[in-house]
PDB file of N, CA and C in Angstrom:
ATOM      1  N   MET A   1       0.842  -1.182   0.000  1.00  0.00           N
ATOM      2  CA  MET A   1       0.000   0.000   0.000  1.00  0.00           C
ATOM      3  C   MET A   1       0.886   1.245   0.000  1.00  0.00           C
ATOM      4  N   THR A   2       0.710   2.107  -0.951  1.00  0.00           N
ATOM      5  CA  THR A   2       1.525   3.313  -1.039  1.00  0.00           C
ATOM      6  C   THR A   2       1.025   4.365  -0.071  1.00  0.00           C
ATOM      7  N   LYS A   3       1.841   5.366   0.100  1.00  0.00           N
ATOM      8  CA  LYS A   3       1.500   6.435   1.037  1.00  0.00           C
ATOM      9  C   LYS A   3       0.205   7.152   0.636  1.00  0.00           C
ATOM     10  N   ASN A   4      -0.023   7.325  -0.666  1.00  0.00           N
ATOM     11  CA  ASN A   4      -1.199   8.055  -1.135  1.00  0.00           C
ATOM     12  C   ASN A   4      -2.494   7.247  -1.006  1.00  0.00           C
ATOM     13  N   ASN A   5      -2.393   5.921  -0.875  1.00  0.00           N
ATOM     14  CA  ASN A   5      -3.583   5.087  -0.789  1.00  0.00           C
ATOM     15  C   ASN A   5      -4.090   4.889   0.635  1.00  0.00           C
ATOM     16  N   ARG A   6      -3.366   5.371   1.623  1.00  0.00           N
ATOM     17  CA  ARG A   6      -3.792   5.194   3.010  1.00  0.00           C
ATOM     18  C   ARG A   6      -5.073   5.968   3.285  1.00  0.00           C
ATOM     19  N   ILE A   7      -5.883   5.409   4.136  1.00  0.00           N
ATOM     20  CA  ILE A   7      -7.094   6.119   4.537  1.00  0.00           C
ATOM     21  C   ILE A   7      -6.683   7.192   5.535  1.00  0.00           C
ATOM     22  N   ARG A   8      -6.977   8.415   5.241  1.00  0.00           N
ATOM     23  CA  ARG A   8      -6.575   9.525   6.100  1.00  0.00           C
ATOM     24  C   ARG A   8      -7.602   9.750   7.186  1.00  0.00           C
ATOM     25  N   PHE A   9      -7.156  10.291   8.302  1.00  0.00           N
ATOM     26  CA  PHE A   9      -8.010  10.502   9.470  1.00  0.00           C
ATOM     27  C   PHE A   9      -9.119  11.498   9.174  1.00  0.00           C
ATOM     28  N   SER A  10      -8.903  12.420   8.259  1.00  0.00           N
ATOM     29  CA  SER A  10      -9.874  13.481   8.031  1.00  0.00           C
ATOM     30  C   SER A  10     -10.731  13.236   6.787  1.00  0.00           C
ATOM     31  N   GLU A  11     -10.961  11.995   6.420  1.00  0.00           N
ATOM     32  CA  GLU A  11     -11.835  11.715   5.291  1.00  0.00           C
ATOM     33  C   GLU A  11     -13.254  12.171   5.609  1.00  0.00           C
ATOM     34  N   ARG A  12     -13.972  12.659   4.619  1.00  0.00           N
ATOM     35  CA  ARG A  12     -15.292  13.254   4.830  1.00  0.00           C
ATOM     36  C   ARG A  12     -16.303  12.291   5.453  1.00  0.00           C
ATOM     37  N   GLU A  13     -16.396  11.081   4.948  1.00  0.00           N
ATOM     38  CA  GLU A  13     -17.378  10.134   5.475  1.00  0.00           C
ATOM     39  C   GLU A  13     -17.086   9.805   6.925  1.00  0.00           C
ATOM     40  N   TYR A  14     -15.822   9.650   7.256  1.00  0.00           N
ATOM     41  CA  TYR A  14     -15.435   9.350   8.627  1.00  0.00           C
ATOM     42  C   TYR A  14     -15.833  10.496   9.553  1.00  0.00           C
ATOM     43  N   ILE A  15     -15.596  11.718   9.098  1.00  0.00           N
ATOM     44  CA  ILE A  15     -15.931  12.884   9.917  1.00  0.00           C
ATOM     45  C   ILE A  15     -17.431  12.963  10.145  1.00  0.00           C
ATOM     46  N   LYS A  16     -18.223  12.751   9.107  1.00  0.00           N
ATOM     47  CA  LYS A  16     -19.677  12.819   9.245  1.00  0.00           C
ATOM     48  C   LYS A  16     -20.195  11.750  10.203  1.00  0.00           C
ATOM     49  N   ASN A  17     -19.694  10.512  10.082  1.00  0.00           N
ATOM     50  CA  ASN A  17     -20.134   9.447  10.968  1.00  0.00           C
ATOM     51  C   ASN A  17     -19.759   9.738  12.414  1.00  0.00           C
ATOM     52  N   GLN A  18     -18.545  10.230  12.621  1.00  0.00           N
ATOM     53  CA  GLN A  18     -18.119  10.530  13.985  1.00  0.00           C
ATOM     54  C   GLN A  18     -18.890  11.734  14.524  1.00  0.00           C
ATOM     55  N   SER A  19     -19.206  12.703  13.680  1.00  0.00           N
ATOM     56  CA  SER A  19     -19.989  13.861  14.120  1.00  0.00           C
ATOM     57  C   SER A  19     -21.351  13.426  14.631  1.00  0.00           C
ATOM     58  N   ASN A  20     -21.990  12.508  13.926  1.00  0.00           N
ATOM     59  CA  ASN A  20     -23.297  12.020  14.372  1.00  0.00           C
ATOM     60  C   ASN A  20     -23.192  11.305  15.708  1.00  0.00           C
ATOM     61  N   ALA A  21     -22.148  10.518  15.899  1.00  0.00           N
ATOM     62  CA  ALA A  21     -21.965   9.804  17.160  1.00  0.00           C
ATOM     63  C   ALA A  21     -21.734  10.778  18.314  1.00  0.00           C
ATOM     64  N   ILE A  22     -20.939  11.813  18.076  1.00  0.00           N
ATOM     65  CA  ILE A  22     -20.681  12.802  19.127  1.00  0.00           C
ATOM     66  C   ILE A  22     -21.937  13.623  19.405  1.00  0.00           C
ATOM     67  N   ALA A  23     -22.687  13.968  18.376  1.00  0.00           N
ATOM     68  CA  ALA A  23     -23.908  14.769  18.554  1.00  0.00           C
ATOM     69  C   ALA A  23     -24.951  14.015  19.375  1.00  0.00           C
ATOM     70  N   ASP A  24     -24.920  12.685  19.348  1.00  0.00           N
ATOM     71  CA  ASP A  24     -25.885  11.888  20.113  1.00  0.00           C
ATOM     72  C   ASP A  24     -25.496  11.697  21.573  1.00  0.00           C
ATOM     73  N   GLU A  25     -24.320  12.182  21.975  1.00  0.00           N
ATOM     74  CA  GLU A  25     -23.894  12.062  23.379  1.00  0.00           C
ATOM     75  C   GLU A  25     -24.871  12.813  24.278  1.00  0.00           C
ATOM     76  N   ARG A  26     -25.178  12.213  25.409  1.00  0.00           N
ATOM     77  CA  ARG A  26     -26.044  12.862  26.411  1.00  0.00           C
ATOM     78  C   ARG A  26     -25.172  13.545  27.453  1.00  0.00           C
ATOM     79  N   LEU A  27     -25.522  14.761  27.816  1.00  0.00           N
ATOM     80  CA  LEU A  27     -24.741  15.539  28.773  1.00  0.00           C
ATOM     81  C   LEU A  27     -25.399  15.481  30.146  1.00  0.00           C
ATOM     82  N   ALA A  28     -24.721  14.836  31.087  1.00  0.00           N
ATOM     83  CA  ALA A  28     -25.276  14.666  32.432  1.00  0.00           C
ATOM     84  C   ALA A  28     -25.427  16.007  33.147  1.00  0.00           C
ATOM     85  N   PHE A  29     -24.505  16.938  32.929  1.00  0.00           N
ATOM     86  CA  PHE A  29     -24.586  18.217  33.628  1.00  0.00           C
ATOM     87  C   PHE A  29     -25.704  19.115  33.093  1.00  0.00           C
ATOM     88  N   LEU A  30     -26.330  18.730  31.971  1.00  0.00           N
ATOM     89  CA  LEU A  30     -27.481  19.456  31.437  1.00  0.00           C
ATOM     90  C   LEU A  30     -28.724  18.569  31.438  1.00  0.00           C
ATOM     91  N   ASP A  31     -28.816  17.684  32.409  1.00  0.00           N
ATOM     92  CA  ASP A  31     -29.976  16.807  32.602  1.00  0.00           C
ATOM     93  C   ASP A  31     -30.269  15.931  31.388  1.00  0.00           C
ATOM     94  N   GLY A  32     -29.221  15.365  30.800  1.00  0.00           N
ATOM     95  CA  GLY A  32     -29.405  14.408  29.722  1.00  0.00           C
ATOM     96  C   GLY A  32     -29.694  15.006  28.360  1.00  0.00           C
ATOM     97  N   GLN A  33     -29.472  16.281  28.181  1.00  0.00           N
ATOM     98  CA  GLN A  33     -29.704  16.912  26.881  1.00  0.00           C
ATOM     99  C   GLN A  33     -28.653  16.428  25.876  1.00  0.00           C
ATOM    100  N   ARG A  34     -29.056  16.230  24.613  1.00  0.00           N
ATOM    101  CA  ARG A  34     -28.116  15.814  23.570  1.00  0.00           C
ATOM    102  C   ARG A  34     -27.141  16.941  23.263  1.00  0.00           C
ATOM    103  N   LEU A  35     -25.889  16.558  23.001  1.00  0.00           N
ATOM    104  CA  LEU A  35     -24.870  17.545  22.669  1.00  0.00           C
ATOM    105  C   LEU A  35     -25.229  18.269  21.374  1.00  0.00           C
ATOM    106  N   GLY A  36     -25.818  17.578  20.429  1.00  0.00           N
ATOM    107  CA  GLY A  36     -26.189  18.179  19.150  1.00  0.00           C
ATOM    108  C   GLY A  36     -27.349  19.153  19.236  1.00  0.00           C
ATOM    109  N   ASP A  37     -28.106  19.118  20.341  1.00  0.00           N
ATOM    110  CA  ASP A  37     -29.253  20.012  20.503  1.00  0.00           C
ATOM    111  C   ASP A  37     -28.886  21.343  21.141  1.00  0.00           C
ATOM    112  N   LEU A  38     -27.641  21.515  21.548  1.00  0.00           N
ATOM    113  CA  LEU A  38     -27.227  22.768  22.171  1.00  0.00           C
ATOM    114  C   LEU A  38     -27.156  23.878  21.135  1.00  0.00           C
ATOM    115  N   SER A  39     -27.400  25.083  21.579  1.00  0.00           N
ATOM    116  CA  SER A  39     -27.205  26.254  20.732  1.00  0.00           C
ATOM    117  C   SER A  39     -25.961  26.972  21.245  1.00  0.00           C
ATOM    118  N   MET A  40     -24.831  26.703  20.604  1.00  0.00           N
ATOM    119  CA  MET A  40     -23.557  27.219  21.108  1.00  0.00           C
ATOM    120  C   MET A  40     -23.467  28.738  21.040  1.00  0.00           C
ATOM    121  N   GLY A  41     -24.276  29.359  20.235  1.00  0.00           N
ATOM    122  CA  GLY A  41     -24.239  30.814  20.144  1.00  0.00           C
ATOM    123  C   GLY A  41     -24.788  31.497  21.383  1.00  0.00           C
ATOM    124  N   ILE A  42     -25.672  30.828  22.138  1.00  0.00           N
ATOM    125  CA  ILE A  42     -26.276  31.469  23.304  1.00  0.00           C
ATOM    126  C   ILE A  42     -25.889  30.808  24.624  1.00  0.00           C
ATOM    127  N   GLU A  43     -25.128  29.711  24.569  1.00  0.00           N
ATOM    128  CA  GLU A  43     -24.696  29.059  25.810  1.00  0.00           C
ATOM    129  C   GLU A  43     -23.657  29.917  26.516  1.00  0.00           C
ATOM    130  N   ASP A  44     -23.568  29.754  27.837  1.00  0.00           N
ATOM    131  CA  ASP A  44     -22.558  30.503  28.585  1.00  0.00           C
ATOM    132  C   ASP A  44     -21.178  29.880  28.367  1.00  0.00           C
ATOM    133  N   ASN A  45     -20.140  30.610  28.758  1.00  0.00           N
ATOM    134  CA  ASN A  45     -18.768  30.178  28.470  1.00  0.00           C
ATOM    135  C   ASN A  45     -18.399  28.888  29.178  1.00  0.00           C
ATOM    136  N   ALA A  46     -18.898  28.677  30.387  1.00  0.00           N
ATOM    137  CA  ALA A  46     -18.577  27.446  31.115  1.00  0.00           C
ATOM    138  C   ALA A  46     -19.112  26.225  30.373  1.00  0.00           C
ATOM    139  N   THR A  47     -20.304  26.327  29.834  1.00  0.00           N
ATOM    140  CA  THR A  47     -20.881  25.217  29.072  1.00  0.00           C
ATOM    141  C   THR A  47     -20.093  24.983  27.795  1.00  0.00           C
ATOM    142  N   LYS A  48     -19.691  26.050  27.114  1.00  0.00           N
ATOM    143  CA  LYS A  48     -18.903  25.912  25.892  1.00  0.00           C
ATOM    144  C   LYS A  48     -17.586  25.201  26.171  1.00  0.00           C
ATOM    145  N   ARG A  49     -16.918  25.574  27.273  1.00  0.00           N
ATOM    146  CA  ARG A  49     -15.645  24.933  27.607  1.00  0.00           C
ATOM    147  C   ARG A  49     -15.836  23.455  27.923  1.00  0.00           C
ATOM    148  N   LYS A  50     -16.883  23.130  28.666  1.00  0.00           N
ATOM    149  CA  LYS A  50     -17.154  21.735  29.001  1.00  0.00           C
ATOM    150  C   LYS A  50     -17.430  20.910  27.752  1.00  0.00           C
ATOM    151  N   VAL A  51     -18.241  21.443  26.871  1.00  0.00           N
ATOM    152  CA  VAL A  51     -18.570  20.742  25.626  1.00  0.00           C
ATOM    153  C   VAL A  51     -17.319  20.550  24.785  1.00  0.00           C
ATOM    154  N   ARG A  52     -16.471  21.578  24.707  1.00  0.00           N
ATOM    155  CA  ARG A  52     -15.227  21.463  23.937  1.00  0.00           C
ATOM    156  C   ARG A  52     -14.334  20.378  24.521  1.00  0.00           C
ATOM    157  N   ARG A  53     -14.221  20.325  25.858  1.00  0.00           N
ATOM    158  CA  ARG A  53     -13.385  19.295  26.486  1.00  0.00           C
ATOM    159  C   ARG A  53     -13.935  17.896  26.247  1.00  0.00           C
ATOM    160  N   ILE A  54     -15.259  17.746  26.294  1.00  0.00           N
ATOM    161  CA  ILE A  54     -15.881  16.443  26.022  1.00  0.00           C
ATOM    162  C   ILE A  54     -15.590  16.023  24.590  1.00  0.00           C
ATOM    163  N   MET A  55     -15.753  16.954  23.663  1.00  0.00           N
ATOM    164  CA  MET A  55     -15.498  16.638  22.250  1.00  0.00           C
ATOM    165  C   MET A  55     -14.030  16.329  22.005  1.00  0.00           C
ATOM    166  N   GLU A  56     -13.123  17.107  22.623  1.00  0.00           N
ATOM    167  CA  GLU A  56     -11.695  16.838  22.467  1.00  0.00           C
ATOM    168  C   GLU A  56     -11.343  15.439  22.958  1.00  0.00           C
ATOM    169  N   LYS A  57     -11.916  15.043  24.084  1.00  0.00           N
ATOM    170  CA  LYS A  57     -11.622  13.725  24.638  1.00  0.00           C
ATOM    171  C   LYS A  57     -12.087  12.622  23.692  1.00  0.00           C
ATOM    172  N   LYS A  58     -13.312  12.724  23.191  1.00  0.00           N
ATOM    173  CA  LYS A  58     -13.841  11.701  22.280  1.00  0.00           C
ATOM    174  C   LYS A  58     -13.012  11.626  20.996  1.00  0.00           C
ATOM    175  N   ILE A  59     -12.655  12.778  20.456  1.00  0.00           N
ATOM    176  CA  ILE A  59     -11.887  12.816  19.215  1.00  0.00           C
ATOM    177  C   ILE A  59     -10.487  12.247  19.430  1.00  0.00           C
ATOM    178  N   ALA A  60      -9.833  12.618  20.543  1.00  0.00           N
ATOM    179  CA  ALA A  60      -8.489  12.114  20.816  1.00  0.00           C
ATOM    180  C   ALA A  60      -8.499  10.596  21.034  1.00  0.00           C
ATOM    181  N   GLN A  61      -9.507  10.087  21.735  1.00  0.00           N
ATOM    182  CA  GLN A  61      -9.601   8.644  21.947  1.00  0.00           C
ATOM    183  C   GLN A  61      -9.709   7.922  20.606  1.00  0.00           C
ATOM    184  N   LYS A  62     -10.556   8.425  19.745  1.00  0.00           N
ATOM    185  CA  LYS A  62     -10.753   7.804  18.437  1.00  0.00           C
ATOM    186  C   LYS A  62      -9.490   7.926  17.584  1.00  0.00           C
ATOM    187  N   TYR A  63      -8.828   9.075  17.652  1.00  0.00           N
ATOM    188  CA  TYR A  63      -7.629   9.292  16.861  1.00  0.00           C
ATOM    189  C   TYR A  63      -6.525   8.316  17.259  1.00  0.00           C
ATOM    190  N   TYR A  64      -6.239   8.236  18.556  1.00  0.00           N
ATOM    191  CA  TYR A  64      -5.146   7.385  19.007  1.00  0.00           C
ATOM    192  C   TYR A  64      -5.457   5.904  18.836  1.00  0.00           C
ATOM    193  N   LYS A  65      -6.726   5.559  18.771  1.00  0.00           N
ATOM    194  CA  LYS A  65      -7.100   4.172  18.524  1.00  0.00           C
ATOM    195  C   LYS A  65      -6.798   3.777  17.081  1.00  0.00           C
ATOM    196  N   ASN A  66      -6.982   4.702  16.142  1.00  0.00           N
ATOM    197  CA  ASN A  66      -6.890   4.387  14.722  1.00  0.00           C
ATOM    198  C   ASN A  66      -5.630   4.892  14.024  1.00  0.00           C
ATOM    199  N   ALA A  67      -4.857   5.766  14.657  1.00  0.00           N
ATOM    200  CA  ALA A  67      -3.711   6.380  13.978  1.00  0.00           C
ATOM    201  C   ALA A  67      -2.570   5.383  13.817  1.00  0.00           C
ATOM    202  N   PHE A  68      -1.883   5.468  12.692  1.00  0.00           N
ATOM    203  CA  PHE A  68      -0.705   4.629  12.503  1.00  0.00           C
ATOM    204  C   PHE A  68       0.508   5.348  13.084  1.00  0.00           C
ATOM    205  N   GLU A  69       1.592   4.621  13.242  1.00  0.00           N
ATOM    206  CA  GLU A  69       2.727   5.084  14.042  1.00  0.00           C
ATOM    207  C   GLU A  69       3.329   6.404  13.562  1.00  0.00           C
ATOM    208  N   GLY A  70       3.382   6.620  12.265  1.00  0.00           N
ATOM    209  CA  GLY A  70       3.981   7.842  11.739  1.00  0.00           C
ATOM    210  C   GLY A  70       3.215   9.096  12.117  1.00  0.00           C
ATOM    211  N   ARG A  71       1.910   8.965  12.349  1.00  0.00           N
ATOM    212  CA  ARG A  71       1.094  10.135  12.703  1.00  0.00           C
ATOM    213  C   ARG A  71       1.251  10.514  14.174  1.00  0.00           C
ATOM    214  N   LEU A  72       1.814   9.616  14.987  1.00  0.00           N
ATOM    215  CA  LEU A  72       1.920   9.881  16.414  1.00  0.00           C
ATOM    216  C   LEU A  72       3.225  10.566  16.786  1.00  0.00           C
ATOM    217  N   ALA A  73       4.136  10.718  15.840  1.00  0.00           N
ATOM    218  CA  ALA A  73       5.422  11.340  16.113  1.00  0.00           C
ATOM    219  C   ALA A  73       5.286  12.860  16.119  1.00  0.00           C
ATOM    220  N   GLY A  74       5.929  13.512  17.059  1.00  0.00           N
ATOM    221  CA  GLY A  74       5.933  14.971  17.118  1.00  0.00           C
ATOM    222  C   GLY A  74       4.583  15.545  17.505  1.00  0.00           C
ATOM    223  N   ASN A  75       4.315  16.722  16.968  1.00  0.00           N
ATOM    224  CA  ASN A  75       3.072  17.420  17.283  1.00  0.00           C
ATOM    225  C   ASN A  75       1.966  17.172  16.269  1.00  0.00           C
ATOM    226  N   ARG A  76       2.189  16.251  15.353  1.00  0.00           N
ATOM    227  CA  ARG A  76       1.190  16.002  14.313  1.00  0.00           C
ATOM    228  C   ARG A  76      -0.146  15.543  14.906  1.00  0.00           C
ATOM    229  N   ALA A  77      -0.102  14.724  15.947  1.00  0.00           N
ATOM    230  CA  ALA A  77      -1.329  14.226  16.564  1.00  0.00           C
ATOM    231  C   ALA A  77      -2.126  15.379  17.174  1.00  0.00           C
ATOM    232  N   ARG A  78      -1.441  16.325  17.800  1.00  0.00           N
ATOM    233  CA  ARG A  78      -2.122  17.485  18.385  1.00  0.00           C
ATOM    234  C   ARG A  78      -2.794  18.324  17.302  1.00  0.00           C
ATOM    235  N   TYR A  79      -2.084  18.564  16.211  1.00  0.00           N
ATOM    236  CA  TYR A  79      -2.656  19.320  15.100  1.00  0.00           C
ATOM    237  C   TYR A  79      -3.874  18.600  14.533  1.00  0.00           C
ATOM    238  N   ASP A  80      -3.751  17.285  14.311  1.00  0.00           N
ATOM    239  CA  ASP A  80      -4.852  16.524  13.714  1.00  0.00           C
ATOM    240  C   ASP A  80      -6.087  16.522  14.606  1.00  0.00           C
ATOM    241  N   THR A  81      -5.907  16.368  15.911  1.00  0.00           N
ATOM    242  CA  THR A  81      -7.078  16.342  16.791  1.00  0.00           C
ATOM    243  C   THR A  81      -7.731  17.715  16.873  1.00  0.00           C
ATOM    244  N   ARG A  82      -6.933  18.783  16.874  1.00  0.00           N
ATOM    245  CA  ARG A  82      -7.525  20.129  16.879  1.00  0.00           C
ATOM    246  C   ARG A  82      -8.245  20.418  15.563  1.00  0.00           C
ATOM    247  N   HIS A  83      -7.658  19.975  14.478  1.00  0.00           N
ATOM    248  CA  HIS A  83      -8.297  20.137  13.182  1.00  0.00           C
ATOM    249  C   HIS A  83      -9.626  19.373  13.139  1.00  0.00           C
ATOM    250  N   MET A  84      -9.623  18.162  13.674  1.00  0.00           N
ATOM    251  CA  MET A  84     -10.846  17.364  13.735  1.00  0.00           C
ATOM    252  C   MET A  84     -11.888  18.025  14.631  1.00  0.00           C
ATOM    253  N   LEU A  85     -11.454  18.605  15.746  1.00  0.00           N
ATOM    254  CA  LEU A  85     -12.389  19.295  16.640  1.00  0.00           C
ATOM    255  C   LEU A  85     -13.100  20.417  15.893  1.00  0.00           C
ATOM    256  N   THR A  86     -12.355  21.183  15.116  1.00  0.00           N
ATOM    257  CA  THR A  86     -12.950  22.261  14.333  1.00  0.00           C
ATOM    258  C   THR A  86     -13.963  21.713  13.330  1.00  0.00           C
ATOM    259  N   ASN A  87     -13.588  20.639  12.636  1.00  0.00           N
ATOM    260  CA  ASN A  87     -14.504  20.042  11.657  1.00  0.00           C
ATOM    261  C   ASN A  87     -15.753  19.488  12.326  1.00  0.00           C
ATOM    262  N   GLN A  88     -15.592  18.855  13.474  1.00  0.00           N
ATOM    263  CA  GLN A  88     -16.741  18.293  14.186  1.00  0.00           C
ATOM    264  C   GLN A  88     -17.688  19.403  14.642  1.00  0.00           C
ATOM    265  N   MET A  89     -17.130  20.492  15.155  1.00  0.00           N
ATOM    266  CA  MET A  89     -17.981  21.608  15.596  1.00  0.00           C
ATOM    267  C   MET A  89     -18.741  22.209  14.419  1.00  0.00           C
ATOM    268  N   LYS A  90     -18.072  22.332  13.266  1.00  0.00           N
ATOM    269  CA  LYS A  90     -18.768  22.853  12.086  1.00  0.00           C
ATOM    270  C   LYS A  90     -19.894  21.919  11.669  1.00  0.00           C
ATOM    271  N   ASN A  91     -19.666  20.610  11.743  1.00  0.00           N
ATOM    272  CA  ASN A  91     -20.692  19.650  11.346  1.00  0.00           C
ATOM    273  C   ASN A  91     -21.860  19.624  12.323  1.00  0.00           C
ATOM    274  N   ILE A  92     -21.582  19.725  13.598  1.00  0.00           N
ATOM    275  CA  ILE A  92     -22.632  19.592  14.612  1.00  0.00           C
ATOM    276  C   ILE A  92     -23.389  20.898  14.821  1.00  0.00           C
ATOM    277  N   PHE A  93     -22.661  21.999  14.997  1.00  0.00           N
ATOM    278  CA  PHE A  93     -23.291  23.270  15.359  1.00  0.00           C
ATOM    279  C   PHE A  93     -23.456  24.222  14.180  1.00  0.00           C
ATOM    280  N   GLY A  94     -22.813  23.950  13.065  1.00  0.00           N
ATOM    281  CA  GLY A  94     -22.917  24.824  11.909  1.00  0.00           C
ATOM    282  C   GLY A  94     -21.866  25.914  11.864  1.00  0.00           C
ATOM    283  N   PHE A  95     -21.156  26.105  12.961  1.00  0.00           N
ATOM    284  CA  PHE A  95     -20.077  27.091  13.011  1.00  0.00           C
ATOM    285  C   PHE A  95     -19.142  26.690  14.147  1.00  0.00           C
ATOM    286  N   VAL A  96     -17.998  27.336  14.197  1.00  0.00           N
ATOM    287  CA  VAL A  96     -17.047  27.088  15.279  1.00  0.00           C
ATOM    288  C   VAL A  96     -17.162  28.249  16.252  1.00  0.00           C
ATOM    289  N   PRO A  97     -17.444  27.980  17.539  1.00  0.00           N
ATOM    290  CA  PRO A  97     -17.560  29.075  18.502  1.00  0.00           C
ATOM    291  C   PRO A  97     -16.279  29.913  18.572  1.00  0.00           C
ATOM    292  N   GLU A  98     -16.439  31.149  18.918  1.00  0.00           N
ATOM    293  CA  GLU A  98     -15.316  32.089  19.003  1.00  0.00           C
ATOM    294  C   GLU A  98     -14.220  31.537  19.919  1.00  0.00           C
ATOM    295  N   GLY A  99     -12.985  31.562  19.449  1.00  0.00           N
ATOM    296  CA  GLY A  99     -11.860  31.123  20.262  1.00  0.00           C
ATOM    297  C   GLY A  99     -11.464  29.668  20.066  1.00  0.00           C
ATOM    298  N   TYR A 100     -12.211  28.903  19.268  1.00  0.00           N
ATOM    299  CA  TYR A 100     -11.894  27.487  19.078  1.00  0.00           C
ATOM    300  C   TYR A 100     -11.506  27.182  17.647  1.00  0.00           C
ATOM    301  N   ARG A 101     -11.177  28.154  16.865  1.00  0.00           N
ATOM    302  CA  ARG A 101     -10.859  27.948  15.457  1.00  0.00           C
ATOM    303  C   ARG A 101      -9.362  27.656  15.332  1.00  0.00           C
ATOM    304  N   PHE A 102      -9.017  26.371  15.288  1.00  0.00           N
ATOM    305  CA  PHE A 102      -7.623  25.989  15.260  1.00  0.00           C
ATOM    306  C   PHE A 102      -7.110  25.884  13.834  1.00  0.00           C
ATOM    307  N   ALA A 103      -7.680  25.010  13.070  1.00  0.00           N
ATOM    308  CA  ALA A 103      -7.158  24.737  11.738  1.00  0.00           C
ATOM    309  C   ALA A 103      -8.285  24.540  10.750  1.00  0.00           C
ATOM    310  N   ALA A 104      -9.195  25.471  10.719  1.00  0.00           N
ATOM    311  CA  ALA A 104     -10.344  25.351   9.826  1.00  0.00           C
ATOM    312  C   ALA A 104      -9.865  25.509   8.426  1.00  0.00           C
TER     313      ALA A 104
END
């Protein structure tokens, strides 16, 4: 398998499927409300930070489970997970909240 034929972490179908899974997460601190049902434009900053941390954790877990060894060297993994966080927020909320635009 050549380098160009590898399945990349940021493939569109993968992002959409993972976005749906993250959007279906229930938030215990909001009485079981779905993460995808939040309106990030009107939520307070504490809720935005909590949601971002939850999403970062889910994305990082999935990334490190599926990443091949070359992607884990250096800061590439950090860049990829932040880039994925931005893509997931765009897919779920329609925009990236202020201050979380890493690598759109």
